[in-house]
Amino acid sequence: MPDRPIIAQKAPYPVEVEAGKAYFWCVCGRSARQPFCDGSHKQTDLSPLKWEAAETKRVFFCGCKHSANAPLCDGSHKSLT
């Protein structure tokens, strides 16, 4: 059975990103550096998601790990119990 992500928090992480820079979003929810990967996924069959910023601005990375628009928040945390 594949591993399931842990809900890191039921809210997004606002982050100022830089155009052209790559970010590695934590998929597993175990990272101590949320919303980014710190290698904690190595205990699972999950892997971080690479995302590159198209422009410099504030974005909202998913904290619940259930977004259909990963790595960005789509409001899915509002329906979690």
PDB file of N, CA and C in Angstrom:
ATOM      1  N   MET A   1       0.847  -1.177   0.000  1.00  0.00           N
ATOM      2  CA  MET A   1       0.000   0.000   0.000  1.00  0.00           C
ATOM      3  C   MET A   1       0.899   1.249   0.000  1.00  0.00           C
ATOM      4  N   PRO A   2       0.653   2.212  -0.889  1.00  0.00           N
ATOM      5  CA  PRO A   2       1.478   3.418  -0.943  1.00  0.00           C
ATOM      6  C   PRO A   2       1.276   4.282   0.308  1.00  0.00           C
ATOM      7  N   ASP A   3       2.324   5.018   0.659  1.00  0.00           N
ATOM      8  CA  ASP A   3       2.245   5.934   1.790  1.00  0.00           C
ATOM      9  C   ASP A   3       1.304   7.081   1.469  1.00  0.00           C
ATOM     10  N   ARG A   4       0.691   7.615   2.511  1.00  0.00           N
ATOM     11  CA  ARG A   4      -0.202   8.765   2.373  1.00  0.00           C
ATOM     12  C   ARG A   4       0.470   9.958   3.037  1.00  0.00           C
ATOM     13  N   PRO A   5       0.253  11.146   2.519  1.00  0.00           N
ATOM     14  CA  PRO A   5       0.860  12.320   3.142  1.00  0.00           C
ATOM     15  C   PRO A   5       0.215  12.638   4.492  1.00  0.00           C
ATOM     16  N   ILE A   6       1.016  13.228   5.369  1.00  0.00           N
ATOM     17  CA  ILE A   6       0.542  13.724   6.655  1.00  0.00           C
ATOM     18  C   ILE A   6       0.121  15.177   6.447  1.00  0.00           C
ATOM     19  N   ILE A   7      -0.957  15.588   7.080  1.00  0.00           N
ATOM     20  CA  ILE A   7      -1.388  16.981   6.993  1.00  0.00           C
ATOM     21  C   ILE A   7      -0.443  17.808   7.862  1.00  0.00           C
ATOM     22  N   ALA A   8       0.347  18.667   7.242  1.00  0.00           N
ATOM     23  CA  ALA A   8       1.293  19.508   7.985  1.00  0.00           C
ATOM     24  C   ALA A   8       0.543  20.615   8.731  1.00  0.00           C
ATOM     25  N   GLN A   9      -0.423  21.222   8.068  1.00  0.00           N
ATOM     26  CA  GLN A   9      -1.308  22.202   8.696  1.00  0.00           C
ATOM     27  C   GLN A   9      -2.516  22.399   7.796  1.00  0.00           C
ATOM     28  N   LYS A  10      -3.630  22.819   8.390  1.00  0.00           N
ATOM     29  CA  LYS A  10      -4.859  23.030   7.630  1.00  0.00           C
ATOM     30  C   LYS A  10      -4.979  24.483   7.200  1.00  0.00           C
ATOM     31  N   ALA A  11      -3.920  24.967   6.571  1.00  0.00           N
ATOM     32  CA  ALA A  11      -3.860  26.327   6.033  1.00  0.00           C
ATOM     33  C   ALA A  11      -2.679  26.382   5.068  1.00  0.00           C
ATOM     34  N   PRO A  12      -2.708  27.315   4.123  1.00  0.00           N
ATOM     35  CA  PRO A  12      -1.573  27.441   3.205  1.00  0.00           C
ATOM     36  C   PRO A  12      -0.391  28.145   3.866  1.00  0.00           C
ATOM     37  N   TYR A  13       0.765  28.025   3.220  1.00  0.00           N
ATOM     38  CA  TYR A  13       1.993  28.711   3.630  1.00  0.00           C
ATOM     39  C   TYR A  13       2.247  29.841   2.644  1.00  0.00           C
ATOM     40  N   PRO A  14       2.123  31.104   3.060  1.00  0.00           N
ATOM     41  CA  PRO A  14       2.449  32.206   2.147  1.00  0.00           C
ATOM     42  C   PRO A  14       3.970  32.340   2.022  1.00  0.00           C
ATOM     43  N   VAL A  15       4.460  32.395   0.790  1.00  0.00           N
ATOM     44  CA  VAL A  15       5.900  32.464   0.539  1.00  0.00           C
ATOM     45  C   VAL A  15       6.165  33.441  -0.601  1.00  0.00           C
ATOM     46  N   GLU A  16       7.157  34.302  -0.407  1.00  0.00           N
ATOM     47  CA  GLU A  16       7.618  35.185  -1.476  1.00  0.00           C
ATOM     48  C   GLU A  16       8.591  34.370  -2.329  1.00  0.00           C
ATOM     49  N   VAL A  17       8.255  34.175  -3.602  1.00  0.00           N
ATOM     50  CA  VAL A  17       9.101  33.384  -4.496  1.00  0.00           C
ATOM     51  C   VAL A  17       9.781  34.294  -5.509  1.00  0.00           C
ATOM     52  N   GLU A  18      10.895  33.802  -6.061  1.00  0.00           N
ATOM     53  CA  GLU A  18      11.667  34.562  -7.039  1.00  0.00           C
ATOM     54  C   GLU A  18      11.532  33.936  -8.426  1.00  0.00           C
ATOM     55  N   ALA A  19      11.323  34.760  -9.422  1.00  0.00           N
ATOM     56  CA  ALA A  19      11.188  34.293 -10.801  1.00  0.00           C
ATOM     57  C   ALA A  19      12.388  33.445 -11.206  1.00  0.00           C
ATOM     58  N   GLY A  20      12.121  32.297 -11.814  1.00  0.00           N
ATOM     59  CA  GLY A  20      13.163  31.410 -12.314  1.00  0.00           C
ATOM     60  C   GLY A  20      13.763  30.481 -11.274  1.00  0.00           C
ATOM     61  N   LYS A  21      13.434  30.662 -10.015  1.00  0.00           N
ATOM     62  CA  LYS A  21      13.986  29.817  -8.954  1.00  0.00           C
ATOM     63  C   LYS A  21      13.135  28.566  -8.773  1.00  0.00           C
ATOM     64  N   ALA A  22      13.794  27.425  -8.555  1.00  0.00           N
ATOM     65  CA  ALA A  22      13.099  26.157  -8.319  1.00  0.00           C
ATOM     66  C   ALA A  22      12.887  25.954  -6.824  1.00  0.00           C
ATOM     67  N   TYR A  23      11.727  25.443  -6.484  1.00  0.00           N
ATOM     68  CA  TYR A  23      11.358  25.142  -5.105  1.00  0.00           C
ATOM     69  C   TYR A  23      10.934  23.681  -5.050  1.00  0.00           C
ATOM     70  N   PHE A  24      11.281  23.000  -3.968  1.00  0.00           N
ATOM     71  CA  PHE A  24      10.928  21.590  -3.813  1.00  0.00           C
ATOM     72  C   PHE A  24       9.928  21.464  -2.673  1.00  0.00           C
ATOM     73  N   TRP A  25       8.655  21.334  -3.053  1.00  0.00           N
ATOM     74  CA  TRP A  25       7.544  21.273  -2.114  1.00  0.00           C
ATOM     75  C   TRP A  25       7.477  19.902  -1.461  1.00  0.00           C
ATOM     76  N   CYS A  26       7.319  19.903  -0.153  1.00  0.00           N
ATOM     77  CA  CYS A  26       7.182  18.658   0.610  1.00  0.00           C
ATOM     78  C   CYS A  26       5.839  18.011   0.302  1.00  0.00           C
ATOM     79  N   VAL A  27       5.868  16.814  -0.239  1.00  0.00           N
ATOM     80  CA  VAL A  27       4.654  16.066  -0.558  1.00  0.00           C
ATOM     81  C   VAL A  27       4.200  15.222   0.636  1.00  0.00           C
ATOM     82  N   CYS A  28       5.150  14.735   1.421  1.00  0.00           N
ATOM     83  CA  CYS A  28       4.835  13.775   2.486  1.00  0.00           C
ATOM     84  C   CYS A  28       4.264  14.404   3.749  1.00  0.00           C
ATOM     85  N   GLY A  29       4.534  15.692   3.998  1.00  0.00           N
ATOM     86  CA  GLY A  29       4.045  16.362   5.192  1.00  0.00           C
ATOM     87  C   GLY A  29       4.938  16.178   6.410  1.00  0.00           C
ATOM     88  N   ARG A  30       6.045  15.483   6.269  1.00  0.00           N
ATOM     89  CA  ARG A  30       6.924  15.169   7.395  1.00  0.00           C
ATOM     90  C   ARG A  30       8.071  16.165   7.586  1.00  0.00           C
ATOM     91  N   SER A  31       8.300  17.034   6.629  1.00  0.00           N
ATOM     92  CA  SER A  31       9.434  17.963   6.677  1.00  0.00           C
ATOM     93  C   SER A  31       9.314  18.946   7.844  1.00  0.00           C
ATOM     94  N   ALA A  32      10.427  19.235   8.485  1.00  0.00           N
ATOM     95  CA  ALA A  32      10.487  20.253   9.532  1.00  0.00           C
ATOM     96  C   ALA A  32      10.642  21.644   8.908  1.00  0.00           C
ATOM     97  N   ARG A  33      10.837  21.704   7.592  1.00  0.00           N
ATOM     98  CA  ARG A  33      11.030  22.972   6.862  1.00  0.00           C
ATOM     99  C   ARG A  33       9.812  23.310   6.001  1.00  0.00           C
ATOM    100  N   GLN A  34       8.619  22.971   6.435  1.00  0.00           N
ATOM    101  CA  GLN A  34       7.401  23.205   5.654  1.00  0.00           C
ATOM    102  C   GLN A  34       7.371  24.617   5.108  1.00  0.00           C
ATOM    103  N   PRO A  35       6.903  24.798   3.886  1.00  0.00           N
ATOM    104  CA  PRO A  35       6.304  23.804   3.005  1.00  0.00           C
ATOM    105  C   PRO A  35       7.311  23.084   2.118  1.00  0.00           C
ATOM    106  N   PHE A  36       8.597  23.236   2.425  1.00  0.00           N
ATOM    107  CA  PHE A  36       9.628  22.684   1.556  1.00  0.00           C
ATOM    108  C   PHE A  36      10.225  21.397   2.102  1.00  0.00           C
ATOM    109  N   CYS A  37      10.836  20.637   1.229  1.00  0.00           N
ATOM    110  CA  CYS A  37      11.405  19.337   1.536  1.00  0.00           C
ATOM    111  C   CYS A  37      12.680  19.452   2.371  1.00  0.00           C
ATOM    112  N   ASP A  38      12.837  18.547   3.346  1.00  0.00           N
ATOM    113  CA  ASP A  38      14.088  18.437   4.103  1.00  0.00           C
ATOM    114  C   ASP A  38      14.649  17.017   4.052  1.00  0.00           C
ATOM    115  N   GLY A  39      14.070  16.177   3.172  1.00  0.00           N
ATOM    116  CA  GLY A  39      14.546  14.803   3.026  1.00  0.00           C
ATOM    117  C   GLY A  39      13.793  13.791   3.862  1.00  0.00           C
ATOM    118  N   SER A  40      12.821  14.224   4.654  1.00  0.00           N
ATOM    119  CA  SER A  40      12.072  13.310   5.522  1.00  0.00           C
ATOM    120  C   SER A  40      11.274  12.263   4.748  1.00  0.00           C
ATOM    121  N   HIS A  41      11.010  12.526   3.473  1.00  0.00           N
ATOM    122  CA  HIS A  41      10.243  11.588   2.639  1.00  0.00           C
ATOM    123  C   HIS A  41      10.988  10.280   2.410  1.00  0.00           C
ATOM    124  N   LYS A  42      12.272  10.244   2.693  1.00  0.00           N
ATOM    125  CA  LYS A  42      13.066   9.041   2.422  1.00  0.00           C
ATOM    126  C   LYS A  42      12.568   7.833   3.206  1.00  0.00           C
ATOM    127  N   GLN A  43      11.767   8.074   4.239  1.00  0.00           N
ATOM    128  CA  GLN A  43      11.165   6.996   5.017  1.00  0.00           C
ATOM    129  C   GLN A  43       9.880   6.493   4.348  1.00  0.00           C
ATOM    130  N   THR A  44       9.501   7.106   3.211  1.00  0.00           N
ATOM    131  CA  THR A  44       8.242   6.792   2.533  1.00  0.00           C
ATOM    132  C   THR A  44       8.501   6.484   1.053  1.00  0.00           C
ATOM    133  N   ASP A  45       7.426   6.221   0.322  1.00  0.00           N
ATOM    134  CA  ASP A  45       7.546   6.056  -1.127  1.00  0.00           C
ATOM    135  C   ASP A  45       7.140   7.344  -1.858  1.00  0.00           C
ATOM    136  N   LEU A  46       7.048   8.456  -1.120  1.00  0.00           N
ATOM    137  CA  LEU A  46       6.696   9.754  -1.688  1.00  0.00           C
ATOM    138  C   LEU A  46       7.960  10.530  -2.040  1.00  0.00           C
ATOM    139  N   SER A  47       7.833  11.466  -2.956  1.00  0.00           N
ATOM    140  CA  SER A  47       8.967  12.302  -3.378  1.00  0.00           C
ATOM    141  C   SER A  47       8.529  13.753  -3.444  1.00  0.00           C
ATOM    142  N   PRO A  48       9.449  14.711  -3.222  1.00  0.00           N
ATOM    143  CA  PRO A  48       9.082  16.124  -3.305  1.00  0.00           C
ATOM    144  C   PRO A  48       8.704  16.507  -4.733  1.00  0.00           C
ATOM    145  N   LEU A  49       7.959  17.590  -4.837  1.00  0.00           N
ATOM    146  CA  LEU A  49       7.516  18.093  -6.132  1.00  0.00           C
ATOM    147  C   LEU A  49       8.301  19.359  -6.468  1.00  0.00           C
ATOM    148  N   LYS A  50       9.011  19.330  -7.596  1.00  0.00           N
ATOM    149  CA  LYS A  50       9.759  20.508  -8.042  1.00  0.00           C
ATOM    150  C   LYS A  50       8.796  21.479  -8.709  1.00  0.00           C
ATOM    151  N   TRP A  51       8.893  22.745  -8.315  1.00  0.00           N
ATOM    152  CA  TRP A  51       8.056  23.802  -8.864  1.00  0.00           C
ATOM    153  C   TRP A  51       8.929  25.011  -9.137  1.00  0.00           C
ATOM    154  N   GLU A  52       8.800  25.609 -10.310  1.00  0.00           N
ATOM    155  CA  GLU A  52       9.599  26.780 -10.660  1.00  0.00           C
ATOM    156  C   GLU A  52       8.702  28.007 -10.754  1.00  0.00           C
ATOM    157  N   ALA A  53       9.119  29.066 -10.091  1.00  0.00           N
ATOM    158  CA  ALA A  53       8.358  30.316 -10.091  1.00  0.00           C
ATOM    159  C   ALA A  53       8.482  31.014 -11.443  1.00  0.00           C
ATOM    160  N   ALA A  54       7.357  31.368 -12.025  1.00  0.00           N
ATOM    161  CA  ALA A  54       7.349  32.074 -13.309  1.00  0.00           C
ATOM    162  C   ALA A  54       7.613  33.561 -13.118  1.00  0.00           C
ATOM    163  N   GLU A  55       7.257  34.069 -11.933  1.00  0.00           N
ATOM    164  CA  GLU A  55       7.480  35.481 -11.642  1.00  0.00           C
ATOM    165  C   GLU A  55       7.735  35.661 -10.150  1.00  0.00           C
ATOM    166  N   THR A  56       8.295  36.784  -9.801  1.00  0.00           N
ATOM    167  CA  THR A  56       8.538  37.106  -8.402  1.00  0.00           C
ATOM    168  C   THR A  56       7.238  37.635  -7.811  1.00  0.00           C
ATOM    169  N   LYS A  57       6.743  36.943  -6.788  1.00  0.00           N
ATOM    170  CA  LYS A  57       5.486  37.337  -6.145  1.00  0.00           C
ATOM    171  C   LYS A  57       5.244  36.453  -4.927  1.00  0.00           C
ATOM    172  N   ARG A  58       4.168  36.718  -4.209  1.00  0.00           N
ATOM    173  CA  ARG A  58       3.756  35.885  -3.082  1.00  0.00           C
ATOM    174  C   ARG A  58       2.807  34.806  -3.603  1.00  0.00           C
ATOM    175  N   VAL A  59       3.093  33.558  -3.232  1.00  0.00           N
ATOM    176  CA  VAL A  59       2.205  32.438  -3.568  1.00  0.00           C
ATOM    177  C   VAL A  59       1.848  31.713  -2.277  1.00  0.00           C
ATOM    178  N   PHE A  60       0.844  30.866  -2.352  1.00  0.00           N
ATOM    179  CA  PHE A  60       0.378  30.134  -1.186  1.00  0.00           C
ATOM    180  C   PHE A  60       0.542  28.639  -1.438  1.00  0.00           C
ATOM    181  N   PHE A  61       1.586  28.071  -0.804  1.00  0.00           N
ATOM    182  CA  PHE A  61       1.845  26.641  -0.938  1.00  0.00           C
ATOM    183  C   PHE A  61       0.888  25.861  -0.048  1.00  0.00           C
ATOM    184  N   CYS A  62       0.404  24.742  -0.551  1.00  0.00           N
ATOM    185  CA  CYS A  62      -0.518  23.883   0.176  1.00  0.00           C
ATOM    186  C   CYS A  62       0.135  23.347   1.453  1.00  0.00           C
ATOM    187  N   GLY A  63      -0.591  23.419   2.555  1.00  0.00           N
ATOM    188  CA  GLY A  63      -0.108  22.883   3.824  1.00  0.00           C
ATOM    189  C   GLY A  63      -0.751  21.555   4.185  1.00  0.00           C
ATOM    190  N   CYS A  64      -1.925  21.282   3.603  1.00  0.00           N
ATOM    191  CA  CYS A  64      -2.649  20.053   3.954  1.00  0.00           C
ATOM    192  C   CYS A  64      -2.237  18.853   3.111  1.00  0.00           C
ATOM    193  N   LYS A  65      -1.532  19.104   2.007  1.00  0.00           N
ATOM    194  CA  LYS A  65      -1.029  18.061   1.105  1.00  0.00           C
ATOM    195  C   LYS A  65      -2.148  17.360   0.331  1.00  0.00           C
ATOM    196  N   HIS A  66      -3.302  18.012   0.201  1.00  0.00           N
ATOM    197  CA  HIS A  66      -4.436  17.430  -0.520  1.00  0.00           C
ATOM    198  C   HIS A  66      -4.888  18.270  -1.717  1.00  0.00           C
ATOM    199  N   SER A  67      -4.161  19.329  -2.054  1.00  0.00           N
ATOM    200  CA  SER A  67      -4.557  20.214  -3.138  1.00  0.00           C
ATOM    201  C   SER A  67      -4.527  19.502  -4.493  1.00  0.00           C
ATOM    202  N   ALA A  68      -5.550  19.752  -5.303  1.00  0.00           N
ATOM    203  CA  ALA A  68      -5.565  19.243  -6.673  1.00  0.00           C
ATOM    204  C   ALA A  68      -4.696  20.122  -7.564  1.00  0.00           C
ATOM    205  N   ASN A  69      -4.238  21.248  -7.026  1.00  0.00           N
ATOM    206  CA  ASN A  69      -3.402  22.200  -7.755  1.00  0.00           C
ATOM    207  C   ASN A  69      -1.986  22.232  -7.163  1.00  0.00           C
ATOM    208  N   ALA A  70      -1.532  21.115  -6.625  1.00  0.00           N
ATOM    209  CA  ALA A  70      -0.226  21.042  -5.949  1.00  0.00           C
ATOM    210  C   ALA A  70       0.878  21.559  -6.853  1.00  0.00           C
ATOM    211  N   PRO A  71       1.782  22.317  -6.269  1.00  0.00           N
ATOM    212  CA  PRO A  71       2.019  22.516  -4.849  1.00  0.00           C
ATOM    213  C   PRO A  71       1.262  23.698  -4.250  1.00  0.00           C
ATOM    214  N   LEU A  72       0.444  24.373  -5.048  1.00  0.00           N
ATOM    215  CA  LEU A  72      -0.254  25.552  -4.557  1.00  0.00           C
ATOM    216  C   LEU A  72      -1.606  25.187  -3.946  1.00  0.00           C
ATOM    217  N   CYS A  73      -2.014  25.985  -2.989  1.00  0.00           N
ATOM    218  CA  CYS A  73      -3.268  25.756  -2.280  1.00  0.00           C
ATOM    219  C   CYS A  73      -4.463  25.966  -3.206  1.00  0.00           C
ATOM    220  N   ASP A  74      -5.450  25.079  -3.084  1.00  0.00           N
ATOM    221  CA  ASP A  74      -6.703  25.241  -3.820  1.00  0.00           C
ATOM    222  C   ASP A  74      -7.902  25.293  -2.873  1.00  0.00           C
ATOM    223  N   GLY A  75      -7.626  25.409  -1.569  1.00  0.00           N
ATOM    224  CA  GLY A  75      -8.705  25.472  -0.583  1.00  0.00           C
ATOM    225  C   GLY A  75      -9.158  24.124  -0.064  1.00  0.00           C
ATOM    226  N   SER A  76      -8.514  23.043  -0.473  1.00  0.00           N
ATOM    227  CA  SER A  76      -8.913  21.705  -0.034  1.00  0.00           C
ATOM    228  C   SER A  76      -8.904  21.554   1.482  1.00  0.00           C
ATOM    229  N   HIS A  77      -8.038  22.304   2.173  1.00  0.00           N
ATOM    230  CA  HIS A  77      -7.943  22.200   3.631  1.00  0.00           C
ATOM    231  C   HIS A  77      -9.271  22.546   4.318  1.00  0.00           C
ATOM    232  N   LYS A  78     -10.116  23.315   3.654  1.00  0.00           N
ATOM    233  CA  LYS A  78     -11.396  23.730   4.238  1.00  0.00           C
ATOM    234  C   LYS A  78     -12.366  22.561   4.399  1.00  0.00           C
ATOM    235  N   SER A  79     -12.166  21.484   3.636  1.00  0.00           N
ATOM    236  CA  SER A  79     -13.077  20.338   3.701  1.00  0.00           C
ATOM    237  C   SER A  79     -12.510  19.161   4.479  1.00  0.00           C
ATOM    238  N   LEU A  80     -11.329  19.322   5.060  1.00  0.00           N
ATOM    239  CA  LEU A  80     -10.719  18.229   5.832  1.00  0.00           C
ATOM    240  C   LEU A  80     -11.255  18.216   7.252  1.00  0.00           C
ATOM    241  N   THR A  81     -11.382  17.041   7.805  1.00  0.00           N
ATOM    242  CA  THR A  81     -11.867  16.931   9.188  1.00  0.00           C
ATOM    243  C   THR A  81     -10.745  16.660  10.149  1.00  0.00           C
TER     244      THR A  81
END
